[in-house]
Amino acid sequence: MNAKTPAARDQTPYGRLTEAGLHGILGYQLAQAAITTTRVFSERVGQPSELRPVEFTILTLVHENPGVSARQLADALAVTPPNITMWIDKLERRGLIERERSTTDRRAQHIRTTPAGTTLARQSVEQVLEGEQTTLAALSPAERAMLIELLHKVARCRRR
């Protein structure tokens, strides 16, 4: 290899552009990895189920946390209450989630998945996991678990 040819490690996966200055930047690598995972989501869940990533996330969080409030969802996703309300409304119109007034606080609402929402949440998670496993076959199960754990740790660094 001559001095002017960068190592494969220092090149973009496609286009063969030198990225040595960006290689160690987590945000850049996350964005590059997101290209791959977004394609998997789109092909496996997004297009077939007509769900955007944020809708899938809300549906899955509601499924896993029956009775969750809109405020809890907004906090978890770092979005404004009006935005979360818009997405909840859309999922409710599709018959995937339902709101229930609190019996102890009439101002509060609890959100649950409907039977159709439960089925879609379970199937969607399964489809994404299968697609990622196939697409990311270059990672061993241990590497995949480590990557997920490290990314979860990074996410926990978020400030309110």
N, C-alpha and C. Protein backbone atom coordinates (compact mmCIF):
# COMPACT_ATOMS: atom_id res chain seq x y z
N MET A 1 0.85 -1.18 0.00
CA MET A 1 0.00 0.00 0.00
C MET A 1 0.89 1.24 0.00
N ASN A 2 0.64 2.18 -0.91
CA ASN A 2 1.48 3.37 -0.92
C ASN A 2 0.97 4.39 0.09
N ALA A 3 1.75 5.42 0.33
CA ALA A 3 1.44 6.40 1.37
C ALA A 3 0.15 7.17 1.09
N LYS A 4 -0.24 7.26 -0.18
CA LYS A 4 -1.43 8.04 -0.52
C LYS A 4 -2.72 7.23 -0.47
N THR A 5 -2.63 5.91 -0.35
CA THR A 5 -3.82 5.07 -0.32
C THR A 5 -4.20 4.80 1.13
N PRO A 6 -5.35 5.31 1.57
CA PRO A 6 -5.73 5.09 2.96
C PRO A 6 -6.12 3.63 3.18
N ALA A 7 -5.90 3.16 4.41
CA ALA A 7 -6.29 1.80 4.78
C ALA A 7 -7.81 1.69 4.68
N ALA A 8 -8.31 0.48 4.41
CA ALA A 8 -9.75 0.26 4.30
C ALA A 8 -10.47 0.75 5.55
N ARG A 9 -9.82 0.63 6.69
CA ARG A 9 -10.40 1.07 7.97
C ARG A 9 -10.69 2.57 7.95
N ASP A 10 -9.95 3.35 7.16
CA ASP A 10 -10.09 4.79 7.11
C ASP A 10 -10.91 5.28 5.92
N GLN A 11 -11.66 4.38 5.31
CA GLN A 11 -12.48 4.75 4.16
C GLN A 11 -13.95 4.50 4.47
N THR A 12 -14.80 5.27 3.82
CA THR A 12 -16.23 5.04 3.96
C THR A 12 -16.55 3.66 3.38
N PRO A 13 -17.58 2.97 3.91
CA PRO A 13 -17.91 1.64 3.40
C PRO A 13 -18.23 1.66 1.90
N TYR A 14 -18.85 2.70 1.43
CA TYR A 14 -19.15 2.84 0.00
C TYR A 14 -18.64 4.20 -0.43
N GLY A 15 -18.17 4.30 -1.63
CA GLY A 15 -17.63 5.55 -2.14
C GLY A 15 -16.14 5.70 -1.94
N ARG A 16 -15.58 4.90 -1.05
CA ARG A 16 -14.15 4.90 -0.78
C ARG A 16 -13.56 6.29 -0.55
N LEU A 17 -14.26 7.05 0.27
CA LEU A 17 -13.75 8.36 0.65
C LEU A 17 -12.97 8.23 1.94
N THR A 18 -11.91 9.00 2.05
CA THR A 18 -11.13 9.00 3.28
C THR A 18 -11.96 9.60 4.39
N GLU A 19 -12.02 8.90 5.52
CA GLU A 19 -12.79 9.39 6.66
C GLU A 19 -11.98 9.32 7.95
N ALA A 20 -10.67 9.30 7.82
CA ALA A 20 -9.81 9.13 9.00
C ALA A 20 -10.15 10.12 10.10
N GLY A 21 -10.42 11.36 9.76
CA GLY A 21 -10.75 12.37 10.76
C GLY A 21 -12.09 12.12 11.44
N LEU A 22 -12.96 11.39 10.78
CA LEU A 22 -14.30 11.10 11.33
C LEU A 22 -14.37 9.73 12.00
N HIS A 23 -13.39 8.88 11.73
CA HIS A 23 -13.46 7.49 12.16
C HIS A 23 -13.74 7.33 13.67
N GLY A 24 -13.13 8.14 14.48
CA GLY A 24 -13.28 8.01 15.93
C GLY A 24 -14.44 8.80 16.51
N ILE A 25 -15.25 9.41 15.68
CA ILE A 25 -16.38 10.21 16.18
C ILE A 25 -17.62 9.33 16.26
N LEU A 26 -18.10 9.12 17.47
CA LEU A 26 -19.23 8.24 17.71
C LEU A 26 -20.47 8.67 16.92
N GLY A 27 -20.78 9.94 16.92
CA GLY A 27 -21.96 10.42 16.20
C GLY A 27 -21.92 10.09 14.72
N TYR A 28 -20.76 10.22 14.12
CA TYR A 28 -20.60 9.88 12.71
C TYR A 28 -20.83 8.39 12.49
N GLN A 29 -20.21 7.57 13.34
CA GLN A 29 -20.37 6.11 13.19
C GLN A 29 -21.81 5.68 13.44
N LEU A 30 -22.49 6.33 14.39
CA LEU A 30 -23.90 6.03 14.63
C LEU A 30 -24.74 6.37 13.39
N ALA A 31 -24.44 7.50 12.78
CA ALA A 31 -25.18 7.90 11.58
C ALA A 31 -24.94 6.92 10.44
N GLN A 32 -23.71 6.46 10.29
CA GLN A 32 -23.41 5.48 9.24
C GLN A 32 -24.12 4.15 9.51
N ALA A 33 -24.08 3.72 10.77
CA ALA A 33 -24.76 2.46 11.15
C ALA A 33 -26.27 2.59 10.97
N ALA A 34 -26.80 3.78 11.22
CA ALA A 34 -28.25 4.00 11.09
C ALA A 34 -28.72 3.81 9.65
N ILE A 35 -27.85 4.05 8.69
CA ILE A 35 -28.21 3.81 7.29
C ILE A 35 -28.60 2.35 7.11
N THR A 36 -27.81 1.47 7.69
CA THR A 36 -28.07 0.03 7.59
C THR A 36 -29.32 -0.37 8.35
N THR A 37 -29.43 0.06 9.60
CA THR A 37 -30.57 -0.35 10.42
C THR A 37 -31.88 0.28 9.94
N THR A 38 -31.81 1.47 9.40
CA THR A 38 -33.02 2.12 8.86
C THR A 38 -33.55 1.34 7.65
N ARG A 39 -32.64 0.85 6.83
CA ARG A 39 -33.07 0.05 5.67
C ARG A 39 -33.75 -1.24 6.13
N VAL A 40 -33.17 -1.89 7.13
CA VAL A 40 -33.77 -3.12 7.67
C VAL A 40 -35.18 -2.81 8.19
N PHE A 41 -35.31 -1.76 8.98
CA PHE A 41 -36.61 -1.39 9.53
C PHE A 41 -37.61 -1.11 8.41
N SER A 42 -37.20 -0.32 7.45
CA SER A 42 -38.09 0.06 6.35
C SER A 42 -38.60 -1.16 5.59
N GLU A 43 -37.70 -2.07 5.25
CA GLU A 43 -38.08 -3.25 4.48
C GLU A 43 -38.92 -4.23 5.28
N ARG A 44 -38.61 -4.39 6.56
CA ARG A 44 -39.26 -5.42 7.37
C ARG A 44 -40.54 -4.95 8.05
N VAL A 45 -40.58 -3.68 8.44
CA VAL A 45 -41.71 -3.19 9.24
C VAL A 45 -42.32 -1.92 8.65
N GLY A 46 -41.50 -0.94 8.37
CA GLY A 46 -42.00 0.36 7.94
C GLY A 46 -42.94 0.30 6.75
N GLN A 47 -42.46 -0.25 5.64
CA GLN A 47 -43.29 -0.33 4.45
C GLN A 47 -44.45 -1.31 4.61
N PRO A 48 -44.21 -2.55 5.05
CA PRO A 48 -45.32 -3.50 5.13
C PRO A 48 -46.41 -3.08 6.13
N SER A 49 -46.03 -2.47 7.24
CA SER A 49 -47.00 -2.12 8.28
C SER A 49 -47.39 -0.65 8.28
N GLU A 50 -46.79 0.11 7.39
CA GLU A 50 -47.03 1.55 7.32
C GLU A 50 -46.81 2.21 8.68
N LEU A 51 -45.66 1.90 9.27
CA LEU A 51 -45.26 2.49 10.55
C LEU A 51 -43.95 3.25 10.36
N ARG A 52 -43.92 4.46 10.87
CA ARG A 52 -42.67 5.19 10.94
C ARG A 52 -41.90 4.69 12.16
N PRO A 53 -40.58 4.86 12.19
CA PRO A 53 -39.81 4.38 13.34
C PRO A 53 -40.35 4.88 14.68
N VAL A 54 -40.73 6.15 14.77
CA VAL A 54 -41.23 6.67 16.04
C VAL A 54 -42.57 6.02 16.42
N GLU A 55 -43.40 5.71 15.44
CA GLU A 55 -44.67 5.04 15.72
C GLU A 55 -44.43 3.62 16.20
N PHE A 56 -43.49 2.93 15.58
CA PHE A 56 -43.10 1.59 16.02
C PHE A 56 -42.60 1.64 17.46
N THR A 57 -41.77 2.62 17.76
CA THR A 57 -41.21 2.75 19.10
C THR A 57 -42.31 3.01 20.12
N ILE A 58 -43.22 3.92 19.81
CA ILE A 58 -44.32 4.21 20.73
C ILE A 58 -45.19 2.98 20.93
N LEU A 59 -45.56 2.32 19.84
CA LEU A 59 -46.40 1.13 19.92
C LEU A 59 -45.72 0.07 20.79
N THR A 60 -44.44 -0.15 20.60
CA THR A 60 -43.72 -1.16 21.37
C THR A 60 -43.60 -0.77 22.84
N LEU A 61 -43.31 0.51 23.11
CA LEU A 61 -43.24 0.96 24.50
C LEU A 61 -44.59 0.83 25.20
N VAL A 62 -45.66 1.16 24.51
CA VAL A 62 -47.00 1.02 25.10
C VAL A 62 -47.29 -0.46 25.35
N HIS A 63 -46.95 -1.30 24.39
CA HIS A 63 -47.17 -2.74 24.55
C HIS A 63 -46.42 -3.27 25.78
N GLU A 64 -45.19 -2.83 25.95
CA GLU A 64 -44.36 -3.33 27.06
C GLU A 64 -44.65 -2.63 28.39
N ASN A 65 -45.40 -1.52 28.34
CA ASN A 65 -45.70 -0.75 29.55
C ASN A 65 -47.18 -0.39 29.58
N PRO A 66 -48.07 -1.38 29.69
CA PRO A 66 -49.51 -1.09 29.68
C PRO A 66 -49.86 -0.06 30.75
N GLY A 67 -50.66 0.91 30.36
CA GLY A 67 -51.08 1.94 31.29
C GLY A 67 -50.15 3.14 31.35
N VAL A 68 -49.16 3.17 30.47
CA VAL A 68 -48.22 4.29 30.41
C VAL A 68 -48.96 5.58 30.10
N SER A 69 -48.40 6.70 30.53
CA SER A 69 -49.00 8.01 30.22
C SER A 69 -48.29 8.65 29.03
N ALA A 70 -48.97 9.60 28.42
CA ALA A 70 -48.37 10.33 27.31
C ALA A 70 -47.13 11.08 27.78
N ARG A 71 -47.17 11.60 28.98
CA ARG A 71 -46.02 12.34 29.53
C ARG A 71 -44.81 11.41 29.66
N GLN A 72 -45.02 10.20 30.14
CA GLN A 72 -43.91 9.24 30.25
C GLN A 72 -43.32 8.93 28.88
N LEU A 73 -44.17 8.76 27.88
CA LEU A 73 -43.69 8.50 26.52
C LEU A 73 -42.90 9.68 25.98
N ALA A 74 -43.42 10.90 26.20
CA ALA A 74 -42.73 12.10 25.73
C ALA A 74 -41.35 12.20 26.38
N ASP A 75 -41.29 11.95 27.68
CA ASP A 75 -40.00 12.01 28.38
C ASP A 75 -39.04 10.94 27.86
N ALA A 76 -39.54 9.74 27.67
CA ALA A 76 -38.69 8.64 27.21
C ALA A 76 -38.10 8.90 25.84
N LEU A 77 -38.87 9.58 24.98
CA LEU A 77 -38.43 9.81 23.60
C LEU A 77 -37.87 11.21 23.37
N ALA A 78 -37.85 12.02 24.43
CA ALA A 78 -37.34 13.40 24.34
C ALA A 78 -38.07 14.20 23.27
N VAL A 79 -39.40 14.11 23.28
CA VAL A 79 -40.23 14.88 22.37
C VAL A 79 -41.22 15.71 23.17
N THR A 80 -41.84 16.66 22.52
CA THR A 80 -42.79 17.52 23.22
C THR A 80 -44.13 16.81 23.39
N PRO A 81 -44.89 17.19 24.41
CA PRO A 81 -46.22 16.60 24.59
C PRO A 81 -47.13 16.74 23.36
N PRO A 82 -47.14 17.89 22.66
CA PRO A 82 -47.98 17.95 21.46
C PRO A 82 -47.58 16.92 20.39
N ASN A 83 -46.28 16.69 20.23
CA ASN A 83 -45.84 15.69 19.25
C ASN A 83 -46.27 14.29 19.65
N ILE A 84 -46.10 13.94 20.92
CA ILE A 84 -46.48 12.60 21.35
C ILE A 84 -47.98 12.42 21.20
N THR A 85 -48.74 13.46 21.49
CA THR A 85 -50.20 13.40 21.34
C THR A 85 -50.58 13.14 19.89
N MET A 86 -49.90 13.79 18.97
CA MET A 86 -50.17 13.60 17.54
C MET A 86 -49.94 12.14 17.14
N TRP A 87 -48.82 11.55 17.60
CA TRP A 87 -48.52 10.16 17.24
C TRP A 87 -49.48 9.19 17.93
N ILE A 88 -49.84 9.49 19.16
CA ILE A 88 -50.81 8.64 19.87
C ILE A 88 -52.15 8.69 19.15
N ASP A 89 -52.57 9.88 18.75
CA ASP A 89 -53.82 10.02 17.99
C ASP A 89 -53.79 9.16 16.73
N LYS A 90 -52.69 9.21 16.02
CA LYS A 90 -52.58 8.44 14.77
C LYS A 90 -52.67 6.94 15.04
N LEU A 91 -51.97 6.46 16.05
CA LEU A 91 -52.01 5.03 16.39
C LEU A 91 -53.40 4.63 16.89
N GLU A 92 -54.06 5.54 17.59
CA GLU A 92 -55.41 5.26 18.07
C GLU A 92 -56.39 5.19 16.90
N ARG A 93 -56.27 6.09 15.94
CA ARG A 93 -57.13 6.05 14.75
C ARG A 93 -56.96 4.75 13.97
N ARG A 94 -55.77 4.20 14.00
CA ARG A 94 -55.50 2.93 13.31
C ARG A 94 -55.97 1.73 14.13
N GLY A 95 -56.46 1.98 15.33
CA GLY A 95 -56.95 0.89 16.17
C GLY A 95 -55.85 0.08 16.82
N LEU A 96 -54.67 0.69 17.01
CA LEU A 96 -53.53 -0.04 17.57
C LEU A 96 -53.34 0.21 19.07
N ILE A 97 -53.78 1.38 19.51
CA ILE A 97 -53.72 1.69 20.94
C ILE A 97 -55.04 2.32 21.36
N GLU A 98 -55.27 2.35 22.67
CA GLU A 98 -56.47 2.99 23.20
C GLU A 98 -56.11 3.73 24.48
N ARG A 99 -56.88 4.77 24.74
CA ARG A 99 -56.69 5.56 25.96
C ARG A 99 -57.80 5.19 26.94
N GLU A 100 -57.43 5.23 28.21
CA GLU A 100 -58.40 4.93 29.25
C GLU A 100 -58.22 5.98 30.35
N ARG A 101 -59.30 6.60 30.76
CA ARG A 101 -59.23 7.59 31.85
C ARG A 101 -58.87 6.91 33.16
N SER A 102 -58.05 7.58 33.93
CA SER A 102 -57.67 7.07 35.24
C SER A 102 -58.88 7.10 36.17
N THR A 103 -59.02 6.09 36.98
CA THR A 103 -60.13 6.07 37.94
C THR A 103 -59.82 6.92 39.16
N THR A 104 -58.54 7.25 39.37
CA THR A 104 -58.16 8.06 40.53
C THR A 104 -57.91 9.53 40.18
N ASP A 105 -57.59 9.82 38.93
CA ASP A 105 -57.33 11.20 38.49
C ASP A 105 -57.94 11.36 37.11
N ARG A 106 -59.09 12.01 37.05
CA ARG A 106 -59.84 12.14 35.80
C ARG A 106 -59.06 12.88 34.70
N ARG A 107 -58.04 13.63 35.09
CA ARG A 107 -57.24 14.34 34.08
C ARG A 107 -56.25 13.42 33.40
N ALA A 108 -55.90 12.34 34.06
CA ALA A 108 -54.87 11.43 33.53
C ALA A 108 -55.48 10.35 32.64
N GLN A 109 -54.71 9.96 31.66
CA GLN A 109 -55.10 8.87 30.76
C GLN A 109 -54.01 7.82 30.75
N HIS A 110 -54.44 6.58 30.69
CA HIS A 110 -53.51 5.45 30.57
C HIS A 110 -53.65 4.90 29.16
N ILE A 111 -52.53 4.55 28.57
CA ILE A 111 -52.52 4.09 27.18
C ILE A 111 -52.15 2.62 27.15
N ARG A 112 -52.90 1.86 26.36
CA ARG A 112 -52.67 0.41 26.21
C ARG A 112 -52.77 0.05 24.73
N THR A 113 -52.17 -1.08 24.39
CA THR A 113 -52.34 -1.57 23.03
C THR A 113 -53.66 -2.32 22.94
N THR A 114 -54.26 -2.27 21.79
CA THR A 114 -55.44 -3.08 21.49
C THR A 114 -54.94 -4.47 21.10
N PRO A 115 -55.82 -5.45 20.94
CA PRO A 115 -55.35 -6.76 20.46
C PRO A 115 -54.59 -6.64 19.13
N ALA A 116 -55.07 -5.80 18.22
CA ALA A 116 -54.37 -5.61 16.94
C ALA A 116 -53.01 -4.97 17.16
N GLY A 117 -52.93 -4.01 18.09
CA GLY A 117 -51.67 -3.35 18.40
C GLY A 117 -50.68 -4.31 19.05
N THR A 118 -51.18 -5.17 19.92
CA THR A 118 -50.32 -6.17 20.56
C THR A 118 -49.71 -7.09 19.52
N THR A 119 -50.55 -7.57 18.61
CA THR A 119 -50.07 -8.46 17.55
C THR A 119 -49.04 -7.76 16.68
N LEU A 120 -49.33 -6.53 16.26
CA LEU A 120 -48.40 -5.79 15.40
C LEU A 120 -47.10 -5.50 16.13
N ALA A 121 -47.16 -5.12 17.39
CA ALA A 121 -45.94 -4.83 18.14
C ALA A 121 -45.05 -6.08 18.22
N ARG A 122 -45.64 -7.20 18.57
CA ARG A 122 -44.86 -8.44 18.67
C ARG A 122 -44.25 -8.84 17.33
N GLN A 123 -45.07 -8.82 16.28
CA GLN A 123 -44.58 -9.21 14.96
C GLN A 123 -43.50 -8.25 14.46
N SER A 124 -43.68 -6.97 14.71
CA SER A 124 -42.72 -5.98 14.24
C SER A 124 -41.37 -6.14 14.92
N VAL A 125 -41.38 -6.34 16.23
CA VAL A 125 -40.12 -6.54 16.95
C VAL A 125 -39.42 -7.78 16.41
N GLU A 126 -40.17 -8.84 16.22
CA GLU A 126 -39.60 -10.08 15.68
C GLU A 126 -38.99 -9.84 14.29
N GLN A 127 -39.69 -9.11 13.44
CA GLN A 127 -39.20 -8.84 12.09
C GLN A 127 -37.92 -8.00 12.10
N VAL A 128 -37.88 -6.99 12.96
CA VAL A 128 -36.69 -6.15 13.05
C VAL A 128 -35.51 -6.97 13.55
N LEU A 129 -35.73 -7.76 14.60
CA LEU A 129 -34.64 -8.59 15.14
C LEU A 129 -34.11 -9.57 14.10
N GLU A 130 -35.01 -10.23 13.37
CA GLU A 130 -34.59 -11.16 12.33
C GLU A 130 -33.80 -10.44 11.23
N GLY A 131 -34.30 -9.29 10.81
CA GLY A 131 -33.63 -8.53 9.76
C GLY A 131 -32.26 -8.05 10.18
N GLU A 132 -32.15 -7.57 11.42
CA GLU A 132 -30.86 -7.10 11.91
C GLU A 132 -29.88 -8.27 12.05
N GLN A 133 -30.37 -9.40 12.53
CA GLN A 133 -29.49 -10.55 12.68
C GLN A 133 -28.93 -10.98 11.33
N THR A 134 -29.77 -10.99 10.31
CA THR A 134 -29.32 -11.36 8.97
C THR A 134 -28.35 -10.32 8.41
N THR A 135 -28.73 -9.06 8.50
CA THR A 135 -27.93 -7.99 7.93
C THR A 135 -26.60 -7.82 8.66
N LEU A 136 -26.62 -8.03 9.96
CA LEU A 136 -25.41 -7.83 10.77
C LEU A 136 -24.72 -9.15 11.10
N ALA A 137 -24.80 -10.09 10.18
CA ALA A 137 -24.21 -11.41 10.40
C ALA A 137 -22.70 -11.36 10.63
N ALA A 138 -22.06 -10.27 10.23
CA ALA A 138 -20.62 -10.13 10.45
C ALA A 138 -20.30 -9.98 11.94
N LEU A 139 -21.30 -9.65 12.74
CA LEU A 139 -21.10 -9.54 14.19
C LEU A 139 -21.44 -10.88 14.85
N SER A 140 -20.59 -11.30 15.76
CA SER A 140 -20.90 -12.51 16.52
C SER A 140 -22.02 -12.16 17.51
N PRO A 141 -22.70 -13.15 18.05
CA PRO A 141 -23.73 -12.85 19.06
C PRO A 141 -23.16 -12.04 20.24
N ALA A 142 -21.93 -12.35 20.65
CA ALA A 142 -21.31 -11.60 21.75
C ALA A 142 -21.03 -10.15 21.35
N GLU A 143 -20.55 -9.94 20.12
CA GLU A 143 -20.30 -8.57 19.65
C GLU A 143 -21.60 -7.79 19.56
N ARG A 144 -22.63 -8.43 19.06
CA ARG A 144 -23.94 -7.76 18.95
C ARG A 144 -24.45 -7.37 20.34
N ALA A 145 -24.36 -8.29 21.30
CA ALA A 145 -24.80 -8.00 22.67
C ALA A 145 -23.97 -6.86 23.27
N MET A 146 -22.67 -6.87 23.01
CA MET A 146 -21.80 -5.82 23.53
C MET A 146 -22.14 -4.47 22.90
N LEU A 147 -22.35 -4.46 21.59
CA LEU A 147 -22.71 -3.22 20.91
C LEU A 147 -24.01 -2.65 21.47
N ILE A 148 -25.01 -3.49 21.63
CA ILE A 148 -26.30 -3.03 22.17
C ILE A 148 -26.11 -2.49 23.58
N GLU A 149 -25.36 -3.19 24.40
CA GLU A 149 -25.13 -2.74 25.78
C GLU A 149 -24.39 -1.41 25.81
N LEU A 150 -23.38 -1.25 24.97
CA LEU A 150 -22.63 0.00 24.93
C LEU A 150 -23.49 1.15 24.43
N LEU A 151 -24.31 0.91 23.41
CA LEU A 151 -25.20 1.96 22.91
C LEU A 151 -26.23 2.34 23.97
N HIS A 152 -26.72 1.35 24.70
CA HIS A 152 -27.66 1.64 25.79
C HIS A 152 -26.99 2.51 26.85
N LYS A 153 -25.73 2.23 27.13
CA LYS A 153 -24.98 3.04 28.09
C LYS A 153 -24.84 4.48 27.59
N VAL A 154 -24.54 4.63 26.32
CA VAL A 154 -24.44 5.97 25.73
C VAL A 154 -25.78 6.69 25.86
N ALA A 155 -26.87 5.99 25.56
CA ALA A 155 -28.21 6.60 25.62
C ALA A 155 -28.52 7.06 27.05
N ARG A 156 -28.02 6.35 28.03
CA ARG A 156 -28.28 6.72 29.43
C ARG A 156 -27.53 7.98 29.84
N CYS A 157 -26.62 8.46 29.02
CA CYS A 157 -25.89 9.70 29.30
C CYS A 157 -26.72 10.93 28.94
N ARG A 158 -27.87 10.71 28.34
CA ARG A 158 -28.71 11.83 27.89
C ARG A 158 -29.11 12.72 29.05
N ARG A 159 -29.09 13.99 28.79
CA ARG A 159 -29.55 14.98 29.77
C ARG A 159 -30.98 15.33 29.45
N ARG A 160 -31.74 15.66 30.45
CA ARG A 160 -33.14 16.07 30.24
C ARG A 160 -33.21 17.42 29.62
